[in-house]
Protein backbone atom coordinates (compact mmCIF):
# COMPACT_ATOMS: atom_id res chain seq x y z
CA MET A 1 80.08 56.53 102.40
CA PRO A 2 76.65 57.94 101.52
CA LEU A 3 74.68 54.80 102.22
CA ILE A 4 76.16 54.52 105.74
CA ASP A 5 74.73 56.08 108.70
CA ASP A 6 77.77 56.36 111.21
CA GLU A 7 79.14 58.93 113.38
CA GLU A 8 82.66 58.18 111.95
CA VAL A 9 81.42 59.35 108.19
CA VAL A 10 83.04 62.49 109.13
CA LEU A 11 86.32 61.46 110.24
CA VAL A 12 86.67 59.60 107.49
CA LEU A 13 85.94 62.25 105.08
CA SER A 14 87.82 64.67 107.01
CA GLY A 15 91.21 62.03 106.11
CA LEU A 16 90.18 62.26 102.37
CA TRP A 17 90.00 65.83 102.46
CA ASN A 18 93.33 66.04 103.95
CA ILE A 19 94.64 63.99 101.13
CA ALA A 20 92.74 66.04 98.45
CA MET A 21 94.96 69.31 99.90
CA THR A 22 98.14 67.85 100.15
CA GLN A 23 98.12 65.33 97.17
CA PRO A 24 95.82 66.99 94.64
CA ASP A 25 97.16 65.48 91.41
CA ASP A 26 96.73 61.93 92.54
CA PRO A 27 94.38 59.63 90.43
CA GLU A 28 93.62 57.30 92.75
CA PHE A 29 90.36 58.44 94.69
CA PRO A 30 89.09 60.36 91.49
CA SER A 31 89.40 56.99 89.30
CA LEU A 32 87.47 55.36 92.39
CA GLY A 33 84.74 57.84 91.84
CA ILE A 34 85.09 60.45 94.79
CA PHE A 35 82.95 62.74 92.68
CA ASP A 36 80.20 60.67 92.15
CA CYS A 37 80.54 60.21 96.46
CA MET A 38 80.84 63.95 97.31
CA VAL A 39 77.97 64.90 95.26
CA SER A 40 75.74 62.42 97.09
CA LEU A 41 76.96 63.67 100.33
CA ILE A 42 76.10 67.38 99.67
CA TYR A 43 72.43 66.71 98.48
CA LYS A 44 71.85 64.38 101.37
CA GLY A 45 73.19 67.34 103.67
CA ILE A 46 71.25 69.61 101.83
CA ASN A 47 67.83 67.49 101.60
CA ASP A 48 67.85 65.61 105.05
CA ARG A 49 68.01 67.76 107.97
CA ALA A 50 67.42 65.48 110.44
CA TRP A 51 70.71 63.58 109.42
CA LEU A 52 72.66 66.88 108.82
CA CYS A 53 71.65 67.60 112.45
CA ARG A 54 73.18 64.58 113.88
CA ASP A 55 76.59 63.66 114.88
CA GLN A 56 78.94 65.92 113.36
CA ASN A 57 77.27 65.43 109.95
CA MET A 58 76.83 69.08 109.70
CA TYR A 59 80.73 69.58 108.65
CA ILE A 60 80.26 66.81 105.51
CA PRO A 61 78.55 69.35 102.97
CA TYR A 62 81.45 71.77 103.49
CA TYR A 63 84.42 68.84 103.11
CA ALA A 64 82.64 67.19 100.50
CA ALA A 65 82.94 70.47 98.50
CA HIS A 66 86.60 71.63 99.65
CA ILE A 67 87.38 67.77 98.18
CA ILE A 68 85.91 68.78 94.71
CA GLY A 69 87.62 72.11 94.63
CA SER A 70 90.94 70.65 95.75
CA TYR A 71 90.53 67.54 93.07
CA THR A 72 89.70 69.86 90.09
CA MET A 73 92.50 72.95 91.11
CA LYS A 74 94.81 71.43 88.76
CA LYS A 75 94.12 68.91 86.53
CA VAL A 76 91.77 69.16 83.83
CA GLU A 77 91.02 65.27 83.43
CA PHE A 78 89.73 65.39 87.08
CA ALA A 79 87.70 68.31 86.37
CA GLU A 80 85.94 66.57 83.63
CA LYS A 81 85.65 63.94 85.67
CA GLY A 82 83.60 65.97 88.17
CA VAL A 83 81.30 67.41 85.56
CA ALA A 84 80.69 64.22 84.10
CA SER A 85 79.50 63.09 87.81
CA GLY A 86 77.43 66.21 88.42
CA VAL A 87 79.23 68.19 90.86
CA ILE A 88 78.17 71.61 89.25
CA PRO A 89 74.37 71.42 90.47
CA PRO A 90 74.89 70.45 94.38
CA LEU A 91 77.64 73.27 94.20
CA LEU A 92 75.41 75.91 92.81
CA ASP A 93 72.71 75.06 95.76
CA LEU A 94 75.21 75.68 98.37
CA MET A 95 76.78 78.74 96.70
CA ARG A 96 72.79 79.78 96.36
CA GLY A 97 73.14 79.56 100.30
CA GLU A 98 71.47 76.53 101.29
CA MET A 99 73.57 76.39 104.21
CA SER A 100 75.73 79.31 105.75
CA TRP A 101 79.14 81.30 104.51
CA VAL A 102 81.73 78.46 104.78
CA GLU A 103 80.37 75.88 102.47
CA GLN A 104 79.69 79.09 100.06
CA ARG A 105 83.38 79.92 100.38
CA VAL A 106 84.36 76.27 99.17
CA ALA A 107 81.66 76.04 96.52
CA VAL A 108 82.52 79.03 94.32
CA ARG A 109 85.99 78.14 94.56
CA ALA A 110 85.44 74.80 93.08
CA LEU A 111 83.00 76.52 90.53
CA GLY A 112 86.07 78.97 89.65
CA HIS A 113 88.37 76.02 89.07
CA LEU A 114 85.55 74.54 86.77
CA ALA A 115 85.22 77.53 84.82
CA SER A 116 89.01 78.07 84.38
CA TYR A 117 89.17 75.09 81.81
CA GLY A 118 87.79 75.42 78.11
CA ARG A 119 86.62 71.92 78.41
CA THR A 120 84.57 72.46 81.38
CA PHE A 121 83.70 75.85 80.54
CA GLU A 122 80.48 75.12 78.84
CA ALA A 123 79.34 72.98 81.34
CA VAL A 124 79.58 75.56 84.05
CA ALA A 125 78.25 78.31 81.42
CA ASN A 126 74.91 76.46 81.07
CA HIS A 127 73.99 78.55 84.41
CA GLU A 128 75.93 81.67 82.87
CA GLU A 129 73.57 84.34 84.53
CA GLU A 130 72.97 82.89 87.86
CA LEU A 131 76.34 82.25 88.37
CA VAL A 132 77.29 85.60 87.51
CA LYS A 133 74.54 87.30 89.59
CA SER A 134 75.30 85.22 92.44
CA ALA A 135 79.14 85.61 92.35
CA MET A 136 78.36 89.69 91.93
CA HIS A 137 76.46 89.63 94.81
CA LEU A 138 78.70 87.16 97.17
CA ALA A 139 81.72 89.47 96.17
CA SER A 140 79.90 92.54 97.33
CA THR A 141 78.30 91.19 100.41
CA CYS A 142 80.39 88.47 101.85
CA LEU A 143 82.33 90.66 103.92
CA GLU A 144 79.33 92.26 105.76
CA VAL A 145 77.80 88.47 106.18
CA VAL A 146 80.49 87.36 107.65
CA TYR A 147 81.10 89.92 109.98
CA ASN A 148 77.69 90.18 111.10
CA MET A 149 77.11 86.45 111.47
CA PHE A 150 80.13 85.44 112.90
CA VAL A 151 83.23 88.01 113.65
CA GLY A 152 80.87 90.90 115.01
CA GLU A 153 79.47 88.30 117.34
CA LYS A 154 81.79 88.72 120.09
CA ASP A 155 80.00 85.94 122.64
CA GLU A 156 81.66 82.95 121.54
CA ARG A 157 78.97 80.96 122.80
CA LYS A 158 76.69 82.66 120.03
CA ARG A 159 79.18 81.42 117.25
CA LEU A 160 78.22 78.31 115.36
CA LYS A 161 80.44 75.26 116.88
CA TYR A 162 80.83 73.85 113.29
CA HIS A 163 82.35 77.04 111.83
CA LYS A 164 84.53 77.74 114.75
CA ASP A 165 85.97 74.13 114.27
CA LEU A 166 86.33 74.41 110.64
CA LEU A 167 88.06 77.89 111.25
CA THR A 168 90.39 76.77 113.69
CA ARG A 169 90.61 72.45 113.79
CA GLY A 170 89.36 72.80 117.31
CA ILE A 171 92.52 74.70 118.59
CA GLY A 172 92.62 78.40 119.09
CA GLY A 173 90.62 81.04 120.94
CA LEU A 174 88.63 84.15 119.50
CA ASP A 175 91.54 85.89 118.30
CA MET A 176 92.35 82.66 116.12
CA GLN A 177 88.81 82.46 114.92
CA ASN A 178 88.76 86.18 113.82
CA ARG A 179 91.76 85.99 112.11
CA LYS A 180 90.92 83.22 110.32
CA ALA A 181 87.18 84.61 109.43
CA GLU A 182 89.11 87.11 108.01
CA GLU A 183 91.25 85.29 105.97
CA TRP A 184 88.05 83.32 104.52
CA ALA A 185 86.32 86.16 103.87
CA SER A 186 88.98 87.60 101.86
CA GLN A 187 89.29 84.33 99.86
CA MET A 188 85.52 84.24 99.24
CA GLN A 189 85.82 87.58 97.61
CA CYS A 190 88.43 86.94 95.83
CA TRP A 191 87.47 83.63 94.66
CA SER A 192 83.78 84.86 93.50
CA ILE A 193 85.88 87.66 91.11
CA HIS A 194 87.85 84.83 90.17
CA LEU A 195 84.75 83.19 88.92
CA LEU A 196 83.26 86.51 87.12
CA ASN A 197 87.20 86.65 85.42
CA CYS A 198 86.40 83.18 83.64
CA PHE A 199 83.32 84.87 82.01
CA ALA A 200 84.75 88.37 81.35
CA VAL A 201 87.91 86.81 79.88
CA LYS A 202 86.03 85.05 77.34
CA ASN A 203 83.59 88.18 76.82
CA ARG A 204 80.74 86.69 78.40
CA SER A 205 77.94 88.58 80.77
CA ILE A 206 80.14 91.89 80.57
CA ASP A 207 76.95 93.87 80.53
CA LEU A 208 75.78 92.23 83.28
CA ILE A 209 78.96 92.55 85.07
CA CYS A 210 79.43 96.46 84.21
CA THR A 211 76.21 97.48 86.43
CA PRO A 212 77.42 100.94 87.89
CA GLU A 213 76.12 99.45 91.59
CA PHE A 214 78.62 96.54 91.28
CA LEU A 215 81.57 98.23 89.46
CA LYS A 216 81.28 100.84 92.61
CA ASP A 217 81.99 97.87 94.88
CA LEU A 218 84.31 96.25 92.59
CA CYS A 219 86.70 99.20 93.15
CA GLU A 220 86.78 98.65 96.68
CA MET A 221 87.70 95.42 96.90
CA TRP A 222 90.90 95.38 97.70
CA GLY A 223 92.64 91.85 98.10
CA GLY A 224 96.44 92.51 98.80
CA LEU A 225 97.09 92.03 102.49
CA VAL A 226 95.49 89.24 103.06
CA ASN A 227 95.35 87.44 99.86
CA HIS A 228 98.84 88.43 98.52
CA SER A 229 98.54 87.10 95.06
CA SER A 230 95.33 88.40 94.08
CA PRO A 231 94.47 91.63 92.59
CA ALA A 232 90.80 91.37 93.73
CA GLY A 233 88.74 94.00 92.01
CA VAL A 234 90.94 95.84 89.89
CA GLY A 235 92.18 92.83 88.24
CA LEU A 236 88.43 92.16 86.98
CA ILE A 237 88.56 96.19 85.91
CA ARG A 238 91.54 95.65 84.08
CA LEU A 239 90.09 93.03 81.87
CA LEU A 240 86.81 94.74 81.36
CA CYS A 241 89.10 97.85 80.50
CA TYR A 242 90.05 95.40 76.96
CA ASN A 243 86.36 95.37 75.86
CA LYS A 244 84.41 98.46 74.70
CA VAL A 245 81.36 97.76 76.32
CA GLY A 246 83.49 97.60 79.71
CA ARG A 247 85.56 100.56 78.97
CA THR A 248 82.54 102.54 78.25
CA SER A 249 80.69 101.56 81.66
CA ILE A 250 84.18 102.22 83.60
CA ALA A 251 84.54 105.76 81.98
CA GLY A 252 81.24 106.56 83.21
CA SER A 253 81.79 106.54 86.57
CA LYS A 254 84.28 109.47 87.98
CA GLU A 255 84.39 107.31 91.19
CA ILE A 256 86.09 104.48 89.59
CA ILE A 257 88.47 106.47 87.88
CA GLU A 258 89.58 108.37 91.00
CA ASN A 259 90.33 104.98 92.62
CA LEU A 260 92.25 104.34 89.44
CA CYS A 261 94.47 107.56 89.64
CA LYS A 262 94.97 106.74 93.29
CA LEU A 263 96.17 103.31 92.77
CA SER A 264 98.33 104.46 89.56
CA ARG A 265 99.78 106.78 92.24
CA SER A 266 100.65 104.16 95.15
CA SER A 267 103.18 101.52 96.01
CA ASP A 268 100.43 99.41 95.79
CA ASP A 269 101.95 95.66 93.82
CA TRP A 270 98.86 96.70 91.50
CA GLN A 271 100.05 100.10 90.84
CA TYR A 272 100.86 98.93 87.24
CA MET A 273 97.02 97.89 86.55
CA GLY A 274 95.69 101.08 87.09
CA ILE A 275 98.18 102.58 85.03
CA ASP A 276 97.20 99.86 82.33
CA CYS A 277 93.54 100.55 82.88
CA LEU A 278 93.57 104.50 82.55
CA VAL A 279 96.07 103.94 79.11
CA LEU A 280 93.54 101.89 77.81
CA LEU A 281 90.71 104.33 78.45
CA LEU A 282 93.01 107.34 77.16
CA ASN A 283 93.91 105.18 73.93
CA ASP A 284 90.22 104.52 72.90
CA PRO A 285 88.60 107.78 71.71
CA ASN A 286 85.13 106.87 72.60
CA THR A 287 86.78 107.11 76.56
CA ARG A 288 89.74 109.47 76.05
CA TYR A 289 87.57 113.04 76.67
CA LYS A 290 85.91 111.32 79.75
CA ILE A 291 88.63 110.72 81.87
CA ILE A 292 91.36 112.57 80.21
CA GLU A 293 91.13 115.57 82.76
CA ILE A 294 91.02 113.43 85.95
CA ALA A 295 93.74 111.37 84.74
CA THR A 296 95.92 113.71 83.35
CA PHE A 297 97.17 115.50 86.99
CA HIS A 298 97.53 112.11 88.29
CA LEU A 299 99.52 110.65 85.36
CA THR A 300 101.81 113.65 84.35
CA ASP A 301 103.64 112.74 87.97
CA LEU A 302 104.81 109.14 86.03
CA ALA A 303 106.21 110.73 83.14
CA GLU A 304 109.47 109.67 84.21
CA LEU A 305 108.67 106.18 85.76
CA ARG A 306 111.15 103.65 83.95
CA THR A 307 110.42 100.44 84.94
CA LEU A 308 107.65 98.96 87.10
CA ARG A 309 107.26 95.03 88.03
CA GLY A 310 109.02 94.02 84.96
CA ARG A 311 107.64 96.28 82.51
CA SER A 312 110.08 99.00 80.67
CA LYS A 313 109.47 102.15 79.33
CA VAL A 314 106.25 102.66 81.49
CA GLY A 315 106.65 106.51 81.48
CA GLU A 316 106.85 106.58 77.68
CA MET A 317 103.69 104.55 77.48
CA ILE A 318 102.27 107.04 80.03
CA THR A 319 103.52 109.86 77.73
CA LYS A 320 102.01 108.99 74.33
CA ALA A 321 98.54 108.31 75.61
CA LEU A 322 98.53 111.81 77.39
CA LEU A 323 99.83 113.71 74.56
CA CYS A 324 97.48 111.80 71.37
CA ASP A 325 96.30 114.86 69.58
CA PHE A 326 97.91 117.17 72.12
CA LYS A 327 96.97 120.54 70.05
CA ARG A 328 93.40 119.24 69.12
CA ARG A 329 92.85 118.18 72.92
CA LYS A 330 93.43 121.63 73.96
CA SER A 331 90.80 123.34 71.67
CA ILE A 332 88.42 120.70 72.64
CA ILE A 333 88.74 121.07 76.74
CA ASN A 334 88.50 124.58 77.97
CA ASN A 335 90.63 124.26 81.22
CA SER A 336 93.61 126.53 82.00
CA GLU A 337 95.28 123.78 84.84
CA PHE A 338 94.43 121.05 82.35
CA GLU A 339 96.40 123.02 79.56
CA ARG A 340 99.17 123.33 82.35
CA ALA A 341 99.78 120.24 83.10
CA LEU A 342 99.42 119.29 79.24
CA GLU A 343 102.16 121.92 78.95
CA GLU A 344 104.47 120.96 81.64
CA ILE A 345 104.83 117.28 80.42
CA TRP A 346 105.09 118.22 76.68
CA ALA A 347 108.28 120.74 78.11
CA LEU A 348 109.52 117.52 80.07
CA LYS A 349 109.29 114.51 77.95
CA VAL A 350 109.88 116.71 74.16
CA GLU A 351 111.43 120.23 74.89
CA ARG A 352 113.66 119.72 77.51
CA ARG A 353 114.72 115.69 76.23
CA LYS A 354 115.84 117.93 72.73
CA ARG A 355 118.20 120.02 74.30
CA VAL A 356 119.81 117.43 76.62
CA HIS A 357 122.02 116.32 73.39
CA MET A 358 123.06 119.91 72.74
CA VAL A 359 124.41 120.14 76.44
CA SER A 360 127.96 119.68 77.02
CA MET A 361 129.54 117.59 80.08
CA GLU A 362 130.92 121.00 81.15
CA LYS A 363 128.04 123.01 81.19
CA ILE A 364 126.14 119.82 82.87
CA GLU A 365 128.87 120.11 85.80
CA GLU A 366 128.26 123.55 86.30
CA LYS A 367 124.35 123.30 86.42
CA ARG A 368 124.97 120.73 88.90
CA LEU A 369 126.95 122.94 90.80
CA LEU A 370 124.80 125.84 90.88
CA VAL A 371 121.42 123.37 91.49
CA SER A 372 123.76 122.35 94.73
CA LEU A 373 124.28 126.13 95.90
CA ILE A 374 120.51 126.53 95.28
CA LYS A 375 119.49 123.49 96.97
CA GLN A 376 121.63 124.65 99.91
CA GLU A 377 119.85 128.05 100.27
CA GLY A 378 116.65 125.94 100.16
CA ASN A 379 117.64 124.19 103.14
CA HIS A 380 119.03 126.80 105.12
CA SER A 381 115.50 128.58 104.66
CA PHE A 382 114.00 125.53 105.78
CA TRP A 383 115.99 125.36 108.66
CA LEU A 384 115.16 128.78 109.69
CA GLY A 385 111.39 128.35 109.53
CA LYS A 386 110.74 130.45 106.15
CA VAL A 387 109.25 127.14 104.64
CA GLU A 388 107.69 129.21 101.62
CA ALA A 389 111.22 130.56 100.72
CA ALA A 390 112.67 127.13 100.85
CA LEU A 391 110.04 125.72 98.53
CA ALA A 392 110.78 128.28 96.13
CA LYS A 393 114.59 127.67 96.08
CA TYR A 394 113.71 123.98 95.52
CA THR A 395 111.59 124.74 92.50
CA GLU A 396 114.23 126.99 91.14
CA ALA A 397 116.97 124.46 91.39
CA LEU A 398 114.36 121.99 89.68
CA THR A 399 113.94 123.93 87.05
CA LEU A 400 117.54 124.49 86.35
CA CYS A 401 118.70 120.80 87.34
CA PRO A 402 119.33 118.48 83.97
CA LEU A 403 116.88 115.62 83.49
CA GLY A 404 120.04 113.48 83.24
CA LEU A 405 120.85 113.80 87.32
CA THR A 406 117.82 111.75 88.50
CA LYS A 407 119.02 111.80 91.88
CA GLU A 408 119.34 115.07 92.84
CA ARG A 409 116.18 115.75 91.08
CA ALA A 410 114.69 113.42 93.33
CA VAL A 411 115.81 114.73 96.33
CA LEU A 412 114.62 118.36 95.01
CA PHE A 413 111.22 116.67 94.76
CA SER A 414 111.08 115.07 98.02
CA ASN A 415 112.32 117.99 99.91
CA ARG A 416 109.82 120.44 98.03
CA ALA A 417 107.22 117.92 99.09
CA GLN A 418 108.00 118.37 102.87
CA CYS A 419 107.42 122.08 102.34
CA HIS A 420 104.28 121.30 100.76
CA LEU A 421 103.34 119.00 103.72
CA LEU A 422 104.41 121.89 106.17
CA LEU A 423 102.08 124.64 104.36
CA SER A 424 99.08 121.81 104.57
CA ASP A 425 99.22 121.44 100.75
CA PRO A 426 98.79 117.31 100.53
CA ASP A 427 98.24 117.21 96.76
CA ALA A 428 101.21 119.14 95.67
CA ALA A 429 103.02 116.94 98.37
CA ILE A 430 101.65 113.94 96.83
CA SER A 431 102.48 114.93 93.05
CA ASP A 432 106.13 115.87 94.00
CA THR A 433 106.67 112.69 96.07
CA THR A 434 105.79 110.56 93.44
CA ARG A 435 107.75 112.30 90.81
CA ALA A 436 110.84 111.23 93.50
CA LEU A 437 109.65 107.84 93.86
CA CYS A 438 109.26 107.72 89.95
CA LEU A 439 113.20 108.54 89.52
CA SER A 440 114.36 106.59 92.65
CA ASP A 441 116.12 103.53 91.39
CA PRO A 442 114.22 101.19 91.81
CA PRO A 443 111.52 102.92 91.34
CA ASN A 444 109.08 103.36 94.87
CA SER A 445 112.58 103.00 96.63
CA HIS A 446 112.99 106.46 98.22
CA THR A 447 112.07 106.11 101.82
CA LYS A 448 112.03 109.65 102.65
CA SER A 449 109.65 110.16 99.73
CA LEU A 450 107.15 107.22 100.84
CA TRP A 451 106.83 108.45 104.25
CA ARG A 452 105.93 112.26 103.35
CA ARG A 453 103.49 110.93 100.57
CA SER A 454 102.38 108.58 103.42
CA GLN A 455 101.33 111.37 105.56
CA ALA A 456 100.39 113.38 102.98
CA TYR A 457 97.51 110.81 101.89
CA ASP A 458 96.83 110.37 105.78
CA MET A 459 96.17 114.52 105.84
CA LYS A 460 93.05 113.67 102.66
CA GLY A 461 91.99 110.62 104.78
CA LEU A 462 93.10 108.00 102.15
CA ALA A 463 93.90 105.37 104.60
CA LYS A 464 94.96 102.66 102.24
CA GLU A 465 97.56 104.31 100.22
CA SER A 466 98.73 105.83 103.05
CA LEU A 467 99.18 102.27 104.86
CA MET A 468 101.00 100.81 101.97
CA ASP A 469 103.62 104.21 101.16
CA CYS A 470 104.51 103.59 105.17
CA LEU A 471 105.14 100.14 104.97
CA MET A 472 107.48 99.87 101.87
CA PHE A 473 108.76 103.05 104.25
CA VAL A 474 109.26 100.48 106.96
CA SER A 475 110.64 97.95 104.59
CA GLY A 476 113.14 100.50 103.37
CA CYS A 477 114.16 101.50 106.61
CA MET A 478 114.92 97.81 107.70
CA LYS A 479 117.23 97.32 104.65
CA LEU A 480 119.17 100.33 105.21
CA ASP A 481 119.61 99.30 108.89
CA THR A 482 122.96 97.56 109.01
CA ALA A 483 122.23 96.57 112.78
CA GLU A 484 121.28 92.99 113.69
CA HIS A 485 118.25 94.18 115.34
CA ALA A 486 116.76 96.97 113.04
CA LYS A 487 113.93 98.98 114.97
CA ILE A 488 111.33 100.50 113.00
CA PRO A 489 110.42 104.03 113.71
CA HIS A 490 107.91 105.17 116.17
CA TYR A 491 106.21 107.45 114.40
CA ALA A 492 105.86 104.93 111.64
CA MET A 493 104.22 102.08 113.59
CA ARG A 494 101.75 104.88 114.86
CA MET A 495 101.04 105.60 111.41
CA ILE A 496 100.31 101.82 111.02
CA SER A 497 98.26 101.41 113.94
CA LYS A 498 96.21 104.31 112.59
CA GLN A 499 95.83 103.02 108.90
CA VAL A 500 95.27 99.24 109.89
CA ASP A 501 92.38 99.78 111.62
CA ALA A 502 91.03 102.33 109.06
CA THR A 503 91.49 99.72 106.17
CA TRP A 504 90.40 96.54 108.21
CA LEU A 505 89.00 94.00 106.02
CA PHE A 506 85.49 94.22 108.24
CA ALA A 507 85.92 98.31 108.50
CA ALA A 508 82.85 99.04 106.66
CA ALA A 509 80.59 96.45 108.13
CA ARG A 510 81.61 97.29 111.54
CA SER A 511 80.75 100.93 111.07
CA LYS A 512 77.32 99.69 109.72
CA MET A 513 76.74 97.74 112.65
CA MET A 514 78.13 101.05 114.83
CA ASN A 515 75.46 102.99 113.26
CA ASN A 516 72.62 100.53 113.84
CA ASP A 517 71.99 100.66 109.92
CA VAL A 518 72.91 96.80 109.04
CA ASP A 519 70.98 95.46 106.03
CA LYS A 520 69.14 92.28 106.47
CA VAL A 521 71.68 89.22 106.23
CA PRO A 522 70.41 86.49 104.40
CA GLN A 523 69.34 84.18 106.56
CA TRP A 524 69.56 80.32 106.84
CA ARG A 525 66.81 77.48 105.95
CA GLU A 526 64.64 76.86 108.80
CA GLY A 527 66.10 74.28 111.07
CA THR A 528 69.78 75.12 109.85
CA ARG A 529 70.13 78.67 109.97
CA ILE A 530 70.56 81.44 112.19
CA THR A 531 69.60 84.84 112.58
CA SER A 532 72.55 87.56 113.78
CA GLY A 533 72.22 87.90 117.69
CA ASN A 534 74.24 90.25 119.60
CA LYS A 535 75.02 93.66 117.68
CA GLY A 536 78.52 93.89 119.25
CA PHE A 537 81.80 94.74 117.33
CA MET A 538 85.28 93.93 117.39
CA THR A 539 87.12 97.04 117.80
CA GLY A 540 90.34 96.14 116.00
CA LEU A 541 93.60 98.19 116.53
CA SER A 542 93.24 101.08 118.30
CA THR A 543 93.76 104.64 116.38
CA ILE A 544 96.51 106.64 117.49
CA LEU A 545 96.08 109.86 115.70
CA GLU A 546 98.83 111.74 114.22
CA GLU A 547 100.23 115.24 115.50
CA PRO A 548 99.14 118.29 113.43
CA LEU A 549 101.49 119.01 110.61
CA ILE A 550 103.16 122.21 110.61
CA THR A 551 101.10 125.28 109.43
CA LYS A 552 102.50 128.35 108.02
CA ASP A 553 101.69 130.84 110.67
CA GLY A 554 102.02 128.61 113.85
CA ASN A 555 104.88 128.87 115.98
CA THR A 556 105.81 125.38 115.34
CA ARG A 557 109.91 125.76 115.87
CA ARG A 558 110.01 122.50 117.90
CA LYS A 559 108.18 120.21 115.14
CA LEU A 560 110.29 122.05 112.64
CA GLU A 561 113.45 121.15 113.80
CA ARG A 562 112.34 117.79 114.26
CA ALA A 563 110.63 117.58 110.82
CA ARG A 564 114.60 118.97 109.73
CA GLN A 565 116.10 115.85 111.04
CA ARG A 566 114.27 113.59 109.15
CA LYS A 567 115.24 115.30 105.95
């Protein structure tokens, strides 16, 4: 194929690409020298500009790199054949940006597969420093590059035709192109992080990866909605937390710790990774006191978490990390709020637990009735608009409620959170809803608490956390609704619309473009690269502002009644 100058070569290569995608374990083509062929085609595309621009040859380097990645995805034997055929140098050229972002995407994917196997890792590691730096740069900049070069260009005529055709296979308009570009940009970021994982798991290039600038970028790399199985940035952060140098670097960044704390009190699939990171940092004497004050205020809310994604006794693990050297820690850190938080978890997990075994069933039932009466008094005060009085009653009921009455305590925490919302105290609302969600069975399933925490996060401007809670709330509503056609609450749809726009993959890049503060984007080589054209931008979903929450001094009986109906 590399020796044939025929316009149908790309059609043959497209067919081979389809076979490699659908039958990556089939040894026929790898045994026939397909890797040597793909290496020659990539080099021809990079070095022979006239040939590349003729007919449809522009597609060939992309297909060739994709075929290499597909055949090395599952079989170490194929990966060894590829390395022996010299696939690494041309893939490195594409990853450096010798053509465009679509080739970078498939190049970093293929290199990540080769680095995943012990038998081919060292061949990749021969280029370790360049690869790690390139992967870091690509992970940090790829979203902006894709937006500026493609998605942000609303004039379809100014988008490269071969990019559009690769994204949509020649079918579909602007909307499909944008959806696929979003997916591919997310994949490129996640595959770049995967390549870094391959080095980090072997404790290689830790110092290089742990630069403050990259770690700051890393905690914003979400994954999630587009790549459901990828933990993206937090996965690499957790891996770094198993290394002493990594823990020291991460503990030195207040911003990263705050992001881990927010993740630990969210309904994100990777919540447990945030908790793991914080516990690892707390258990290291060299990093414990750098993060203890920030982490304590978040982790105390998770002390009663029983299971999480197959893990048991998660709350016990958190409690053990927080209360390690409890008395000595109090003397080291002079912070009254911090001391109160530790005293609270000590009272909850040690003192009150001891008293549980000393209380008879009769006494528990008496307390249940008393708590129920106090809760009803709180509800009555709430309905009358006396939110502060209701909050006091719910607090009194929680103080008296036995630890074993988890359902009752979950409701009380959730009700008290609603009071905090109405009193414009989102931090307290987040704390109480998190405690209610830890007590729910299964965890994070109490729908009212999810909605209330979503509102609280929205008040604080934390769009990602608000969106995840709202999505979980909608999922819970759908399960509870036994009707054939379950309806999503309109207020939840408004919240989702608002937060989807704020958490859009390209939101940051769009904001830069809107402010005319776009950094220079890597340009293509002369003859094959293009520059950014129109400075237009995609508007995404329209933002719908939520109605303001009730304030304690406002005349808002109508809104209070609406809130009461949701309790």
